[in-house]
PDB file of N, CA and C in Angstrom:
ATOM      1  N   UNK A   1       8.649 -40.988 -33.174  1.00  0.00           N
ATOM      2  CA  UNK A   1       8.316 -40.992 -31.938  1.00  0.00           C
ATOM      3  C   UNK A   1       9.402 -40.040 -31.288  1.00  0.00           C
ATOM      4  N   UNK A   2      10.750 -40.465 -31.540  1.00  0.00           N
ATOM      5  CA  UNK A   2      11.652 -39.718 -30.435  1.00  0.00           C
ATOM      6  C   UNK A   2      11.583 -38.132 -31.149  1.00  0.00           C
ATOM      7  N   UNK A   3      11.644 -37.880 -32.827  1.00  0.00           N
ATOM      8  CA  UNK A   3      11.748 -36.912 -33.739  1.00  0.00           C
ATOM      9  C   UNK A   3      10.877 -35.962 -33.152  1.00  0.00           C
ATOM     10  N   UNK A   4       9.666 -36.407 -33.178  1.00  0.00           N
ATOM     11  CA  UNK A   4       8.731 -35.439 -32.654  1.00  0.00           C
ATOM     12  C   UNK A   4       8.889 -34.719 -31.652  1.00  0.00           C
ATOM     13  N   UNK A   5       8.924 -35.912 -30.633  1.00  0.00           N
ATOM     14  CA  UNK A   5       9.533 -35.366 -29.297  1.00  0.00           C
ATOM     15  C   UNK A   5      10.553 -34.120 -28.877  1.00  0.00           C
ATOM     16  N   UNK A   6      11.923 -34.501 -29.602  1.00  0.00           N
ATOM     17  CA  UNK A   6      12.887 -33.360 -29.965  1.00  0.00           C
ATOM     18  C   UNK A   6      12.576 -32.020 -30.689  1.00  0.00           C
ATOM     19  N   UNK A   7      11.367 -32.366 -31.472  1.00  0.00           N
ATOM     20  CA  UNK A   7      11.042 -30.866 -32.668  1.00  0.00           C
ATOM     21  C   UNK A   7      10.506 -30.158 -31.003  1.00  0.00           C
ATOM     22  N   UNK A   8       9.516 -30.934 -30.664  1.00  0.00           N
ATOM     23  CA  UNK A   8       8.561 -30.410 -29.490  1.00  0.00           C
ATOM     24  C   UNK A   8       9.663 -29.848 -28.303  1.00  0.00           C
ATOM     25  N   UNK A   9      10.283 -30.275 -28.097  1.00  0.00           N
ATOM     26  CA  UNK A   9      11.229 -29.549 -26.761  1.00  0.00           C
ATOM     27  C   UNK A   9      12.031 -28.607 -27.476  1.00  0.00           C
ATOM     28  N   UNK A  10      12.337 -28.257 -28.710  1.00  0.00           N
ATOM     29  CA  UNK A  10      12.877 -27.239 -29.549  1.00  0.00           C
ATOM     30  C   UNK A  10      11.846 -26.489 -29.442  1.00  0.00           C
ATOM     31  N   UNK A  11      10.717 -26.584 -29.686  1.00  0.00           N
ATOM     32  CA  UNK A  11       9.556 -25.304 -30.124  1.00  0.00           C
ATOM     33  C   UNK A  11       9.266 -24.834 -28.705  1.00  0.00           C
ATOM     34  N   UNK A  12       9.317 -25.691 -27.697  1.00  0.00           N
ATOM     35  CA  UNK A  12       9.382 -25.553 -26.341  1.00  0.00           C
ATOM     36  C   UNK A  12      10.055 -24.232 -25.693  1.00  0.00           C
ATOM     37  N   UNK A  13      11.220 -24.697 -26.003  1.00  0.00           N
ATOM     38  CA  UNK A  13      12.254 -23.738 -25.246  1.00  0.00           C
ATOM     39  C   UNK A  13      12.307 -22.619 -25.889  1.00  0.00           C
ATOM     40  N   UNK A  14      12.208 -22.846 -27.232  1.00  0.00           N
ATOM     41  CA  UNK A  14      12.322 -21.060 -27.817  1.00  0.00           C
ATOM     42  C   UNK A  14      11.236 -20.658 -27.435  1.00  0.00           C
ATOM     43  N   UNK A  15      10.031 -20.608 -27.648  1.00  0.00           N
ATOM     44  CA  UNK A  15       9.157 -20.116 -27.053  1.00  0.00           C
ATOM     45  C   UNK A  15       8.812 -19.548 -25.842  1.00  0.00           C
ATOM     46  N   UNK A  16       9.435 -20.621 -24.498  1.00  0.00           N
ATOM     47  CA  UNK A  16       9.633 -19.955 -23.393  1.00  0.00           C
ATOM     48  C   UNK A  16      11.498 -18.704 -23.303  1.00  0.00           C
ATOM     49  N   UNK A  17      11.811 -19.117 -24.382  1.00  0.00           N
ATOM     50  CA  UNK A  17      12.987 -17.674 -24.621  1.00  0.00           C
ATOM     51  C   UNK A  17      12.478 -16.768 -24.617  1.00  0.00           C
ATOM     52  N   UNK A  18      11.743 -16.858 -25.622  1.00  0.00           N
ATOM     53  CA  UNK A  18      10.975 -15.369 -26.627  1.00  0.00           C
ATOM     54  C   UNK A  18      10.260 -14.857 -25.436  1.00  0.00           C
ATOM     55  N   UNK A  19       9.135 -16.150 -24.536  1.00  0.00           N
ATOM     56  CA  UNK A  19       8.517 -15.255 -23.577  1.00  0.00           C
ATOM     57  C   UNK A  19       9.480 -14.712 -22.292  1.00  0.00           C
ATOM     58  N   UNK A  20      10.294 -15.152 -22.074  1.00  0.00           N
ATOM     59  CA  UNK A  20      11.589 -14.157 -21.287  1.00  0.00           C
ATOM     60  C   UNK A  20      11.916 -12.939 -21.753  1.00  0.00           C
ATOM     61  N   UNK A  21      12.294 -12.918 -22.922  1.00  0.00           N
ATOM     62  CA  UNK A  21      12.742 -11.678 -22.962  1.00  0.00           C
ATOM     63  C   UNK A  21      11.776 -10.771 -23.805  1.00  0.00           C
ATOM     64  N   UNK A  22      10.458 -11.182 -23.538  1.00  0.00           N
ATOM     65  CA  UNK A  22       9.378 -10.220 -23.798  1.00  0.00           C
ATOM     66  C   UNK A  22       9.140  -9.650 -22.675  1.00  0.00           C
ATOM     67  N   UNK A  23       9.261  -9.479 -21.140  1.00  0.00           N
ATOM     68  CA  UNK A  23       9.343  -8.695 -20.289  1.00  0.00           C
ATOM     69  C   UNK A  23       9.887  -7.409 -20.542  1.00  0.00           C
ATOM     70  N   UNK A  24       8.959  -6.496 -19.541  1.00  0.00           N
ATOM     71  CA  UNK A  24       9.525  -5.185 -19.764  1.00  0.00           C
ATOM     72  C   UNK A  24      10.682  -4.967 -19.139  1.00  0.00           C
ATOM     73  N   UNK A  25      11.359  -3.811 -18.952  1.00  0.00           N
ATOM     74  CA  UNK A  25      12.409  -3.645 -19.086  1.00  0.00           C
ATOM     75  C   UNK A  25      12.702  -3.523 -17.215  1.00  0.00           C
ATOM     76  N   UNK A  26      13.236  -2.642 -16.238  1.00  0.00           N
ATOM     77  CA  UNK A  26      13.460  -2.814 -14.885  1.00  0.00           C
ATOM     78  C   UNK A  26      12.026  -2.983 -14.685  1.00  0.00           C
ATOM     79  N   UNK A  27      11.805  -2.905 -13.510  1.00  0.00           N
ATOM     80  CA  UNK A  27      10.491  -2.923 -12.606  1.00  0.00           C
ATOM     81  C   UNK A  27      10.339  -1.663 -12.202  1.00  0.00           C
ATOM     82  N   UNK A  28       9.201  -1.245 -11.893  1.00  0.00           N
ATOM     83  CA  UNK A  28       8.919   0.214 -11.229  1.00  0.00           C
ATOM     84  C   UNK A  28       8.870  -0.130  -9.368  1.00  0.00           C
ATOM     85  N   UNK A  29       9.641   0.577  -9.284  1.00  0.00           N
ATOM     86  CA  UNK A  29       9.471   0.994  -7.501  1.00  0.00           C
ATOM     87  C   UNK A  29       8.292   2.146  -7.244  1.00  0.00           C
ATOM     88  N   UNK A  30       7.374   2.218  -6.312  1.00  0.00           N
ATOM     89  CA  UNK A  30       6.465   3.043  -5.641  1.00  0.00           C
ATOM     90  C   UNK A  30       6.809   3.056  -4.516  1.00  0.00           C
ATOM     91  N   UNK A  31       6.758   4.477  -3.758  1.00  0.00           N
ATOM     92  CA  UNK A  31       7.005   4.806  -2.433  1.00  0.00           C
ATOM     93  C   UNK A  31       5.504   4.905  -1.777  1.00  0.00           C
ATOM     94  N   UNK A  32       5.200   4.273  -0.729  1.00  0.00           N
ATOM     95  CA  UNK A  32       4.031   4.166  -0.340  1.00  0.00           C
ATOM     96  C   UNK A  32       4.316   4.938   1.134  1.00  0.00           C
ATOM     97  N   UNK A  33       3.160   5.800   1.511  1.00  0.00           N
ATOM     98  CA  UNK A  33       3.337   6.586   2.773  1.00  0.00           C
ATOM     99  C   UNK A  33       1.904   6.414   3.436  1.00  0.00           C
ATOM    100  N   UNK A  34       2.257   6.180   4.483  1.00  0.00           N
ATOM    101  CA  UNK A  34       0.682   6.384   5.397  1.00  0.00           C
ATOM    102  C   UNK A  34       1.013   7.320   6.575  1.00  0.00           C
ATOM    103  N   UNK A  35       0.055   8.353   6.733  1.00  0.00           N
ATOM    104  CA  UNK A  35      -0.121   9.196   7.439  1.00  0.00           C
ATOM    105  C   UNK A  35      -1.230   8.784   8.636  1.00  0.00           C
ATOM    106  N   UNK A  36      -0.745   8.468   9.966  1.00  0.00           N
ATOM    107  CA  UNK A  36      -1.825   8.057  10.972  1.00  0.00           C
ATOM    108  C   UNK A  36      -2.159   9.372  11.906  1.00  0.00           C
ATOM    109  N   UNK A  37      -3.379   9.573  12.049  1.00  0.00           N
ATOM    110  CA  UNK A  37      -4.159  11.047  12.155  1.00  0.00           C
ATOM    111  C   UNK A  37      -5.355  10.998  12.622  1.00  0.00           C
ATOM    112  N   UNK A  38      -5.020  11.036  14.115  1.00  0.00           N
ATOM    113  CA  UNK A  38      -6.225  11.258  15.390  1.00  0.00           C
ATOM    114  C   UNK A  38      -7.443  11.518  14.388  1.00  0.00           C
ATOM    115  N   UNK A  39      -8.367  11.035  14.570  1.00  0.00           N
ATOM    116  CA  UNK A  39      -9.363  11.206  14.534  1.00  0.00           C
ATOM    117  C   UNK A  39      -9.930  12.908  14.712  1.00  0.00           C
ATOM    118  N   UNK A  40      -9.883  13.135  15.965  1.00  0.00           N
ATOM    119  CA  UNK A  40      -9.870  14.438  16.286  1.00  0.00           C
ATOM    120  C   UNK A  40      -8.701  15.720  15.410  1.00  0.00           C
ATOM    121  N   UNK A  41      -7.706  15.467  15.112  1.00  0.00           N
ATOM    122  CA  UNK A  41      -7.119  16.310  14.398  1.00  0.00           C
ATOM    123  C   UNK A  41      -7.121  16.404  12.673  1.00  0.00           C
ATOM    124  N   UNK A  42      -8.097  15.358  12.354  1.00  0.00           N
ATOM    125  CA  UNK A  42      -8.230  15.441  10.713  1.00  0.00           C
ATOM    126  C   UNK A  42      -8.722  16.170  10.074  1.00  0.00           C
ATOM    127  N   UNK A  43      -9.139  17.581  10.432  1.00  0.00           N
ATOM    128  CA  UNK A  43      -9.558  18.921  10.253  1.00  0.00           C
ATOM    129  C   UNK A  43      -8.195  19.671   9.780  1.00  0.00           C
ATOM    130  N   UNK A  44      -7.294  19.662  11.043  1.00  0.00           N
ATOM    131  CA  UNK A  44      -6.417  20.207  10.829  1.00  0.00           C
ATOM    132  C   UNK A  44      -4.876  19.630   9.544  1.00  0.00           C
ATOM    133  N   UNK A  45      -5.257  18.723   9.570  1.00  0.00           N
ATOM    134  CA  UNK A  45      -4.365  18.036   8.739  1.00  0.00           C
ATOM    135  C   UNK A  45      -4.722  18.169   7.183  1.00  0.00           C
ATOM    136  N   UNK A  46      -5.888  18.185   6.993  1.00  0.00           N
ATOM    137  CA  UNK A  46      -6.681  18.320   5.771  1.00  0.00           C
ATOM    138  C   UNK A  46      -6.524  19.618   5.366  1.00  0.00           C
ATOM    139  N   UNK A  47      -6.291  20.617   6.582  1.00  0.00           N
ATOM    140  CA  UNK A  47      -5.614  21.610   6.078  1.00  0.00           C
ATOM    141  C   UNK A  47      -4.382  22.333   5.860  1.00  0.00           C
ATOM    142  N   UNK A  48      -3.655  21.070   6.233  1.00  0.00           N
ATOM    143  CA  UNK A  48      -2.353  21.220   6.303  1.00  0.00           C
ATOM    144  C   UNK A  48      -2.016  20.754   5.196  1.00  0.00           C
ATOM    145  N   UNK A  49      -2.489  19.693   4.513  1.00  0.00           N
ATOM    146  CA  UNK A  49      -1.932  18.791   3.114  1.00  0.00           C
ATOM    147  C   UNK A  49      -2.788  20.022   1.806  1.00  0.00           C
ATOM    148  N   UNK A  50      -3.809  20.727   2.670  1.00  0.00           N
ATOM    149  CA  UNK A  50      -4.048  20.990   1.200  1.00  0.00           C
ATOM    150  C   UNK A  50      -3.236  22.350   0.797  1.00  0.00           C
ATOM    151  N   UNK A  51      -2.866  23.207   1.997  1.00  0.00           N
ATOM    152  CA  UNK A  51      -1.711  24.088   1.798  1.00  0.00           C
ATOM    153  C   UNK A  51      -0.387  23.765   1.462  1.00  0.00           C
ATOM    154  N   UNK A  52       0.354  22.036   1.887  1.00  0.00           N
ATOM    155  CA  UNK A  52       1.121  21.383   1.107  1.00  0.00           C
ATOM    156  C   UNK A  52       1.058  21.851  -0.725  1.00  0.00           C
ATOM    157  N   UNK A  53      -0.146  21.189  -0.931  1.00  0.00           N
ATOM    158  CA  UNK A  53      -0.361  20.981  -2.084  1.00  0.00           C
ATOM    159  C   UNK A  53      -0.779  22.518  -2.864  1.00  0.00           C
ATOM    160  N   UNK A  54      -1.370  23.388  -2.139  1.00  0.00           N
ATOM    161  CA  UNK A  54      -1.172  24.847  -2.834  1.00  0.00           C
ATOM    162  C   UNK A  54       0.155  25.100  -3.212  1.00  0.00           C
ATOM    163  N   UNK A  55       1.001  24.914  -2.145  1.00  0.00           N
ATOM    164  CA  UNK A  55       2.206  25.704  -1.927  1.00  0.00           C
ATOM    165  C   UNK A  55       3.386  24.880  -2.801  1.00  0.00           C
ATOM    166  N   UNK A  56       3.076  23.739  -3.164  1.00  0.00           N
ATOM    167  CA  UNK A  56       3.848  22.758  -4.071  1.00  0.00           C
ATOM    168  C   UNK A  56       2.938  23.191  -5.708  1.00  0.00           C
ATOM    169  N   UNK A  57       1.812  24.083  -6.332  1.00  0.00           N
ATOM    170  CA  UNK A  57       1.602  23.970  -7.447  1.00  0.00           C
ATOM    171  C   UNK A  57       1.956  25.412  -7.341  1.00  0.00           C
ATOM    172  N   UNK A  58       2.370  26.305  -6.734  1.00  0.00           N
ATOM    173  CA  UNK A  58       2.681  27.672  -6.708  1.00  0.00           C
ATOM    174  C   UNK A  58       4.116  27.960  -7.257  1.00  0.00           C
ATOM    175  N   UNK A  59       5.054  27.004  -6.292  1.00  0.00           N
ATOM    176  CA  UNK A  59       6.185  26.823  -6.493  1.00  0.00           C
ATOM    177  C   UNK A  59       6.370  25.753  -7.645  1.00  0.00           C
ATOM    178  N   UNK A  60       5.778  25.462  -8.375  1.00  0.00           N
ATOM    179  CA  UNK A  60       5.574  24.098  -9.957  1.00  0.00           C
ATOM    180  C   UNK A  60       6.870  23.272  -9.221  1.00  0.00           C
ATOM    181  N   UNK A  61       6.270  22.739  -8.262  1.00  0.00           N
ATOM    182  CA  UNK A  61       6.818  21.172  -7.791  1.00  0.00           C
ATOM    183  C   UNK A  61       6.489  20.072  -7.942  1.00  0.00           C
ATOM    184  N   UNK A  62       6.974  19.410  -9.228  1.00  0.00           N
ATOM    185  CA  UNK A  62       6.180  18.408  -9.569  1.00  0.00           C
ATOM    186  C   UNK A  62       6.786  16.894  -9.072  1.00  0.00           C
ATOM    187  N   UNK A  63       7.815  16.887  -8.377  1.00  0.00           N
ATOM    188  CA  UNK A  63       8.336  15.153  -8.330  1.00  0.00           C
ATOM    189  C   UNK A  63       8.331  15.726  -6.910  1.00  0.00           C
ATOM    190  N   UNK A  64       7.401  14.949  -6.044  1.00  0.00           N
ATOM    191  CA  UNK A  64       6.877  14.720  -4.470  1.00  0.00           C
ATOM    192  C   UNK A  64       6.720  13.405  -3.873  1.00  0.00           C
TER     193      UNK A  64
END
């Protein structure tokens, strides 16, 4: 009985160490931004956003 518990403990430790090393490299971070827009200014905000997207595409800006 003691031998089987030692074997089980060794196998459990091995599987645990393998699962820890199977994780991906570094975690990815995301930058979340929220624009708070007044409902009465929504159309102006959308126009400005569209102009910004158009300018980024024209000037080949990819990382924004």
